[in-house]
Amino acid sequence: ITLRRKDGNFLTVLESSFGTRDATGKIVRYQGFLVDISEQKRIENEIKRRNRELNALNSIAVIGAQSFDLDEILNVTLRQTVDLFGADMGSVWLLEPVQLSLRARALVGRQSLGAKLPVLQVPPDLYQAVLDSRPESLTEEHAGLMPEEVRQHIRELGASSWVWVLLWVGEKPVGVIGIGSRTERNYSEMDRNLMVAIGRQLATTMDKV
């Protein structure tokens, strides 16, 4: 069972208790023990999370090795990523370097960023800034770098939390993969690192295709 400590933090305990009866069979006393197993549960949950991550990465690697259908690879990768993080929406965009535009190629969620905005123009100064700084992930803190139409559309979707990962092949960005949630969520550094790992694997597969 889960209990709350006086300081407000939660802990998981294992309860083992029993009742003592009198000669008539009536329970006259309960007694037992509570053992704090919070650390054990944390380790178990961490192992489960790691297994989910490895399964997702393995599925992405398998489809990348077996298929040369880019749309299939993008859709499978995106679905695995959305499921892994429990997100509400996701999208993959590929860069058209001549036109400096991003085109949506895979979508998850009826109200995803690419559903009503399938092509995004990338301002030249933003593209140059990306080349200069080579970021691998973008979160809400980078919203000011995005075109106003993108920020407006994110607000319309009600995406309270999101993270995008840029896809790099060598020195060139080739696209982005992103997920979002309508509920407030703090994507940790570990979450972003996992997203970056997925993005690197996807970019490598795209380059092969």
C-alpha atoms as a PDB file:
ATOM      1  CA  ILE A   1       0.000   0.000   0.000  1.00  0.00           C
ATOM      2  CA  THR A   2       1.027   3.629  -0.467  1.00  0.00           C
ATOM      3  CA  LEU A   3       1.234   5.925   2.556  1.00  0.00           C
ATOM      4  CA  ARG A   4       1.937   9.616   2.923  1.00  0.00           C
ATOM      5  CA  ARG A   5       4.611  10.723   5.363  1.00  0.00           C
ATOM      6  CA  LYS A   6       4.219  13.766   7.593  1.00  0.00           C
ATOM      7  CA  ASP A   7       6.472  15.727   5.241  1.00  0.00           C
ATOM      8  CA  GLY A   8       4.071  15.017   2.344  1.00  0.00           C
ATOM      9  CA  ASN A   9       6.254  12.484   0.533  1.00  0.00           C
ATOM     10  CA  PHE A  10       4.853   9.079  -0.370  1.00  0.00           C
ATOM     11  CA  LEU A  11       6.286   5.696   0.504  1.00  0.00           C
ATOM     12  CA  THR A  12       5.346   2.150  -0.450  1.00  0.00           C
ATOM     13  CA  VAL A  13       5.022  -0.349   2.366  1.00  0.00           C
ATOM     14  CA  LEU A  14       4.358  -4.063   2.616  1.00  0.00           C
ATOM     15  CA  GLU A  15       1.698  -4.784   5.218  1.00  0.00           C
ATOM     16  CA  SER A  16       1.517  -8.139   7.005  1.00  0.00           C
ATOM     17  CA  SER A  17      -1.197  -8.242   9.679  1.00  0.00           C
ATOM     18  CA  PHE A  18      -3.676 -10.592  11.300  1.00  0.00           C
ATOM     19  CA  GLY A  19      -6.543 -10.614  13.737  1.00  0.00           C
ATOM     20  CA  THR A  20      -6.636 -12.427  17.092  1.00  0.00           C
ATOM     21  CA  ARG A  21      -9.954 -13.998  18.086  1.00  0.00           C
ATOM     22  CA  ASP A  22     -11.374 -14.853  21.493  1.00  0.00           C
ATOM     23  CA  ALA A  23     -13.015 -18.154  22.467  1.00  0.00           C
ATOM     24  CA  THR A  24     -16.252 -17.164  20.722  1.00  0.00           C
ATOM     25  CA  GLY A  25     -14.484 -16.345  17.444  1.00  0.00           C
ATOM     26  CA  LYS A  26     -14.842 -12.584  17.775  1.00  0.00           C
ATOM     27  CA  ILE A  27     -11.813 -10.578  16.665  1.00  0.00           C
ATOM     28  CA  VAL A  28     -10.486  -8.726  19.674  1.00  0.00           C
ATOM     29  CA  ARG A  29      -7.178  -7.438  18.376  1.00  0.00           C
ATOM     30  CA  TYR A  30      -5.362  -6.657  15.130  1.00  0.00           C
ATOM     31  CA  GLN A  31      -1.617  -6.570  14.953  1.00  0.00           C
ATOM     32  CA  GLY A  32       1.010  -6.637  12.258  1.00  0.00           C
ATOM     33  CA  PHE A  33       3.976  -5.027  10.616  1.00  0.00           C
ATOM     34  CA  LEU A  34       4.643  -2.376   7.969  1.00  0.00           C
ATOM     35  CA  VAL A  35       7.913  -2.701   6.059  1.00  0.00           C
ATOM     36  CA  ASP A  36       9.115   0.212   3.913  1.00  0.00           C
ATOM     37  CA  ILE A  37       9.821  -1.209   0.426  1.00  0.00           C
ATOM     38  CA  SER A  38       9.952   2.142  -1.407  1.00  0.00           C
ATOM     39  CA  GLU A  39      13.485   1.619  -2.672  1.00  0.00           C
ATOM     40  CA  GLN A  40      12.682  -1.899  -3.857  1.00  0.00           C
ATOM     41  CA  LYS A  41       9.628  -0.620  -5.765  1.00  0.00           C
ATOM     42  CA  ARG A  42      11.680   2.214  -7.235  1.00  0.00           C
ATOM     43  CA  ILE A  43      14.245  -0.270  -8.535  1.00  0.00           C
ATOM     44  CA  GLU A  44      11.494  -2.542  -9.898  1.00  0.00           C
ATOM     45  CA  ASN A  45       9.846   0.394 -11.688  1.00  0.00           C
ATOM     46  CA  GLU A  46      13.207   1.519 -13.067  1.00  0.00           C
ATOM     47  CA  ILE A  47      13.847  -1.982 -14.432  1.00  0.00           C
ATOM     48  CA  LYS A  48      10.382  -2.060 -16.024  1.00  0.00           C
ATOM     49  CA  ARG A  49      10.951   1.366 -17.553  1.00  0.00           C
ATOM     50  CA  ARG A  50      14.338   0.323 -18.906  1.00  0.00           C
ATOM     51  CA  ASN A  51      12.802  -2.822 -20.398  1.00  0.00           C
ATOM     52  CA  ARG A  52      10.122  -0.741 -22.134  1.00  0.00           C
ATOM     53  CA  GLU A  53      12.822   1.547 -23.506  1.00  0.00           C
ATOM     54  CA  LEU A  54      14.908  -1.359 -24.774  1.00  0.00           C
ATOM     55  CA  ASN A  55      11.859  -3.013 -26.364  1.00  0.00           C
ATOM     56  CA  ALA A  56      10.951   0.224 -28.130  1.00  0.00           C
ATOM     57  CA  LEU A  57      14.507   0.793 -29.372  1.00  0.00           C
ATOM     58  CA  ASN A  58      14.697  -2.829 -30.493  1.00  0.00           C
ATOM     59  CA  SER A  59      11.412  -2.525 -32.430  1.00  0.00           C
ATOM     60  CA  ILE A  60      12.692   0.612 -34.131  1.00  0.00           C
ATOM     61  CA  ALA A  61      15.985  -1.108 -34.989  1.00  0.00           C
ATOM     62  CA  VAL A  62      14.166  -4.151 -36.396  1.00  0.00           C
ATOM     63  CA  ILE A  63      11.887  -2.151 -38.688  1.00  0.00           C
ATOM     64  CA  GLY A  64      14.897  -0.112 -39.789  1.00  0.00           C
ATOM     65  CA  ALA A  65      16.783  -3.279 -40.700  1.00  0.00           C
ATOM     66  CA  GLN A  66      13.890  -5.026 -42.417  1.00  0.00           C
ATOM     67  CA  SER A  67      12.160  -2.257 -44.347  1.00  0.00           C
ATOM     68  CA  PHE A  68      13.194   0.236 -47.002  1.00  0.00           C
ATOM     69  CA  ASP A  69       9.754   1.879 -46.920  1.00  0.00           C
ATOM     70  CA  LEU A  70      10.481   5.258 -45.349  1.00  0.00           C
ATOM     71  CA  ASP A  71       6.849   5.995 -44.461  1.00  0.00           C
ATOM     72  CA  GLU A  72       6.527   2.654 -42.676  1.00  0.00           C
ATOM     73  CA  ILE A  73       9.735   3.308 -40.739  1.00  0.00           C
ATOM     74  CA  LEU A  74       8.601   6.800 -39.723  1.00  0.00           C
ATOM     75  CA  ASN A  75       5.142   5.647 -38.626  1.00  0.00           C
ATOM     76  CA  VAL A  76       6.383   2.641 -36.636  1.00  0.00           C
ATOM     77  CA  THR A  77       9.051   4.736 -34.918  1.00  0.00           C
ATOM     78  CA  LEU A  78       6.572   7.469 -34.055  1.00  0.00           C
ATOM     79  CA  ARG A  79       3.957   5.075 -32.667  1.00  0.00           C
ATOM     80  CA  GLN A  80       6.590   3.330 -30.539  1.00  0.00           C
ATOM     81  CA  THR A  81       7.815   6.682 -29.225  1.00  0.00           C
ATOM     82  CA  VAL A  82       4.332   7.983 -28.380  1.00  0.00           C
ATOM     83  CA  ASP A  83       3.460   4.724 -26.593  1.00  0.00           C
ATOM     84  CA  LEU A  84       6.764   4.679 -24.724  1.00  0.00           C
ATOM     85  CA  PHE A  85       6.241   8.137 -23.245  1.00  0.00           C
ATOM     86  CA  GLY A  86       2.445   7.885 -22.882  1.00  0.00           C
ATOM     87  CA  ALA A  87       2.059  11.017 -25.016  1.00  0.00           C
ATOM     88  CA  ASP A  88      -1.192  12.269 -26.576  1.00  0.00           C
ATOM     89  CA  MET A  89       0.215  13.254 -29.955  1.00  0.00           C
ATOM     90  CA  GLY A  90       3.291  13.006 -32.102  1.00  0.00           C
ATOM     91  CA  SER A  91       4.645  13.890 -35.513  1.00  0.00           C
ATOM     92  CA  VAL A  92       7.655  13.450 -37.762  1.00  0.00           C
ATOM     93  CA  TRP A  93       8.645  16.193 -40.187  1.00  0.00           C
ATOM     94  CA  LEU A  94      11.203  15.989 -42.975  1.00  0.00           C
ATOM     95  CA  LEU A  95      13.156  18.986 -44.162  1.00  0.00           C
ATOM     96  CA  GLU A  96      13.048  20.125 -47.761  1.00  0.00           C
ATOM     97  CA  PRO A  97      16.334  22.076 -47.818  1.00  0.00           C
ATOM     98  CA  VAL A  98      15.806  23.975 -51.070  1.00  0.00           C
ATOM     99  CA  GLN A  99      12.441  25.396 -49.990  1.00  0.00           C
ATOM    100  CA  LEU A 100      13.529  25.548 -46.336  1.00  0.00           C
ATOM    101  CA  SER A 101      10.285  23.898 -45.276  1.00  0.00           C
ATOM    102  CA  LEU A 102       9.277  21.045 -43.012  1.00  0.00           C
ATOM    103  CA  ARG A 103       6.651  18.606 -44.301  1.00  0.00           C
ATOM    104  CA  ALA A 104       4.711  16.300 -41.976  1.00  0.00           C
ATOM    105  CA  ARG A 105       5.254  12.645 -42.943  1.00  0.00           C
ATOM    106  CA  ALA A 106       3.914  10.746 -39.909  1.00  0.00           C
ATOM    107  CA  LEU A 107       1.215  11.683 -37.386  1.00  0.00           C
ATOM    108  CA  VAL A 108      -0.227  10.149 -34.220  1.00  0.00           C
ATOM    109  CA  GLY A 109      -3.267  11.652 -32.543  1.00  0.00           C
ATOM    110  CA  ARG A 110      -6.274  13.222 -34.211  1.00  0.00           C
ATOM    111  CA  GLN A 111      -5.094  16.663 -33.166  1.00  0.00           C
ATOM    112  CA  SER A 112      -1.403  16.576 -33.869  1.00  0.00           C
ATOM    113  CA  LEU A 113       0.735  19.445 -35.051  1.00  0.00           C
ATOM    114  CA  GLY A 114       0.806  18.293 -38.679  1.00  0.00           C
ATOM    115  CA  ALA A 115      -2.915  17.519 -39.064  1.00  0.00           C
ATOM    116  CA  LYS A 116      -3.921  21.079 -39.971  1.00  0.00           C
ATOM    117  CA  LEU A 117      -0.468  22.471 -40.669  1.00  0.00           C
ATOM    118  CA  PRO A 118       1.196  19.928 -42.983  1.00  0.00           C
ATOM    119  CA  VAL A 119       3.965  22.283 -44.174  1.00  0.00           C
ATOM    120  CA  LEU A 120       5.991  24.700 -42.075  1.00  0.00           C
ATOM    121  CA  GLN A 121       8.285  27.335 -43.512  1.00  0.00           C
ATOM    122  CA  VAL A 122      11.591  27.611 -41.687  1.00  0.00           C
ATOM    123  CA  PRO A 123      12.884  31.207 -41.438  1.00  0.00           C
ATOM    124  CA  PRO A 124      16.427  31.422 -42.863  1.00  0.00           C
ATOM    125  CA  ASP A 125      17.787  32.963 -39.660  1.00  0.00           C
ATOM    126  CA  LEU A 126      16.315  30.097 -37.616  1.00  0.00           C
ATOM    127  CA  TYR A 127      17.827  27.545 -39.982  1.00  0.00           C
ATOM    128  CA  GLN A 128      21.230  29.212 -39.690  1.00  0.00           C
ATOM    129  CA  ALA A 129      20.916  29.346 -35.896  1.00  0.00           C
ATOM    130  CA  VAL A 130      20.217  25.599 -35.877  1.00  0.00           C
ATOM    131  CA  LEU A 131      23.292  24.968 -38.041  1.00  0.00           C
ATOM    132  CA  ASP A 132      25.432  27.106 -35.748  1.00  0.00           C
ATOM    133  CA  SER A 133      24.293  25.669 -32.412  1.00  0.00           C
ATOM    134  CA  ARG A 134      23.441  22.081 -33.495  1.00  0.00           C
ATOM    135  CA  PRO A 135      20.779  21.444 -30.825  1.00  0.00           C
ATOM    136  CA  GLU A 136      19.522  17.889 -30.529  1.00  0.00           C
ATOM    137  CA  SER A 137      16.337  18.518 -28.542  1.00  0.00           C
ATOM    138  CA  LEU A 138      13.846  21.365 -28.159  1.00  0.00           C
ATOM    139  CA  THR A 139      11.372  21.819 -25.289  1.00  0.00           C
ATOM    140  CA  GLU A 140       8.998  24.547 -24.100  1.00  0.00           C
ATOM    141  CA  GLU A 141      11.975  26.666 -23.064  1.00  0.00           C
ATOM    142  CA  HIS A 142      12.939  26.991 -26.744  1.00  0.00           C
ATOM    143  CA  ALA A 143       9.468  28.104 -27.859  1.00  0.00           C
ATOM    144  CA  GLY A 144      10.723  31.621 -28.530  1.00  0.00           C
ATOM    145  CA  LEU A 145      12.910  30.303 -31.370  1.00  0.00           C
ATOM    146  CA  MET A 146       9.944  28.902 -33.290  1.00  0.00           C
ATOM    147  CA  PRO A 147       7.851  30.699 -35.899  1.00  0.00           C
ATOM    148  CA  GLU A 148       4.734  32.359 -34.513  1.00  0.00           C
ATOM    149  CA  GLU A 149       2.420  30.087 -36.531  1.00  0.00           C
ATOM    150  CA  VAL A 150       3.955  27.070 -34.814  1.00  0.00           C
ATOM    151  CA  ARG A 151       3.590  28.595 -31.340  1.00  0.00           C
ATOM    152  CA  GLN A 152      -0.015  29.538 -32.136  1.00  0.00           C
ATOM    153  CA  HIS A 153      -0.832  26.049 -33.354  1.00  0.00           C
ATOM    154  CA  ILE A 154       0.718  24.472 -30.252  1.00  0.00           C
ATOM    155  CA  ARG A 155      -1.529  26.692 -28.134  1.00  0.00           C
ATOM    156  CA  GLU A 156      -4.580  25.667 -30.185  1.00  0.00           C
ATOM    157  CA  LEU A 157      -3.758  21.987 -29.691  1.00  0.00           C
ATOM    158  CA  GLY A 158      -3.576  22.488 -25.953  1.00  0.00           C
ATOM    159  CA  ALA A 159      -0.156  20.829 -25.741  1.00  0.00           C
ATOM    160  CA  SER A 160       1.004  21.737 -22.252  1.00  0.00           C
ATOM    161  CA  SER A 161       4.229  19.747 -22.503  1.00  0.00           C
ATOM    162  CA  TRP A 162       6.235  18.709 -25.520  1.00  0.00           C
ATOM    163  CA  VAL A 163       9.696  17.778 -26.693  1.00  0.00           C
ATOM    164  CA  TRP A 164      11.098  17.709 -30.223  1.00  0.00           C
ATOM    165  CA  VAL A 165      14.317  16.103 -31.368  1.00  0.00           C
ATOM    166  CA  LEU A 166      16.198  17.238 -34.445  1.00  0.00           C
ATOM    167  CA  LEU A 167      17.312  14.525 -36.849  1.00  0.00           C
ATOM    168  CA  TRP A 168      20.887  14.996 -38.031  1.00  0.00           C
ATOM    169  CA  VAL A 169      22.749  13.203 -40.800  1.00  0.00           C
ATOM    170  CA  GLY A 170      26.320  14.353 -40.593  1.00  0.00           C
ATOM    171  CA  GLU A 171      26.301  18.141 -40.400  1.00  0.00           C
ATOM    172  CA  LYS A 172      22.838  18.554 -41.911  1.00  0.00           C
ATOM    173  CA  PRO A 173      19.440  18.553 -40.194  1.00  0.00           C
ATOM    174  CA  VAL A 174      17.013  16.322 -42.115  1.00  0.00           C
ATOM    175  CA  GLY A 175      13.900  16.657 -39.974  1.00  0.00           C
ATOM    176  CA  VAL A 176      12.382  16.524 -36.508  1.00  0.00           C
ATOM    177  CA  ILE A 177      10.393  14.047 -34.418  1.00  0.00           C
ATOM    178  CA  GLY A 178       8.209  15.364 -31.626  1.00  0.00           C
ATOM    179  CA  ILE A 179       5.691  14.294 -29.004  1.00  0.00           C
ATOM    180  CA  GLY A 180       3.285  16.286 -26.856  1.00  0.00           C
ATOM    181  CA  SER A 181       0.902  15.897 -23.934  1.00  0.00           C
ATOM    182  CA  ARG A 182      -2.170  17.917 -23.040  1.00  0.00           C
ATOM    183  CA  THR A 183      -1.451  17.464 -19.339  1.00  0.00           C
ATOM    184  CA  GLU A 184       1.426  19.228 -17.655  1.00  0.00           C
ATOM    185  CA  ARG A 185       4.464  16.979 -17.650  1.00  0.00           C
ATOM    186  CA  ASN A 186       8.096  17.528 -16.883  1.00  0.00           C
ATOM    187  CA  TYR A 187      10.214  15.747 -19.452  1.00  0.00           C
ATOM    188  CA  SER A 188      13.348  14.936 -17.492  1.00  0.00           C
ATOM    189  CA  GLU A 189      16.898  14.970 -18.795  1.00  0.00           C
ATOM    190  CA  MET A 190      16.679  11.170 -18.967  1.00  0.00           C
ATOM    191  CA  ASP A 191      13.524  11.448 -21.107  1.00  0.00           C
ATOM    192  CA  ARG A 192      15.216  13.902 -23.458  1.00  0.00           C
ATOM    193  CA  ASN A 193      18.294  11.689 -23.697  1.00  0.00           C
ATOM    194  CA  LEU A 194      16.093   8.748 -24.659  1.00  0.00           C
ATOM    195  CA  MET A 195      14.324  10.863 -27.277  1.00  0.00           C
ATOM    196  CA  VAL A 196      17.711  11.909 -28.653  1.00  0.00           C
ATOM    197  CA  ALA A 197      18.767   8.244 -28.857  1.00  0.00           C
ATOM    198  CA  ILE A 198      15.594   7.445 -30.800  1.00  0.00           C
ATOM    199  CA  GLY A 199      16.207  10.423 -33.070  1.00  0.00           C
ATOM    200  CA  ARG A 200      19.785   9.364 -33.793  1.00  0.00           C
ATOM    201  CA  GLN A 201      18.684   5.845 -34.632  1.00  0.00           C
ATOM    202  CA  LEU A 202      15.896   7.140 -36.868  1.00  0.00           C
ATOM    203  CA  ALA A 203      18.270   9.534 -38.659  1.00  0.00           C
ATOM    204  CA  THR A 204      20.746   6.710 -39.282  1.00  0.00           C
ATOM    205  CA  THR A 205      17.961   4.567 -40.741  1.00  0.00           C
ATOM    206  CA  MET A 206      16.700   7.451 -42.900  1.00  0.00           C
ATOM    207  CA  ASP A 207      20.215   7.949 -44.258  1.00  0.00           C
ATOM    208  CA  LYS A 208      20.409   4.256 -45.150  1.00  0.00           C
ATOM    209  CA  VAL A 209      17.038   4.379 -46.915  1.00  0.00           C
END
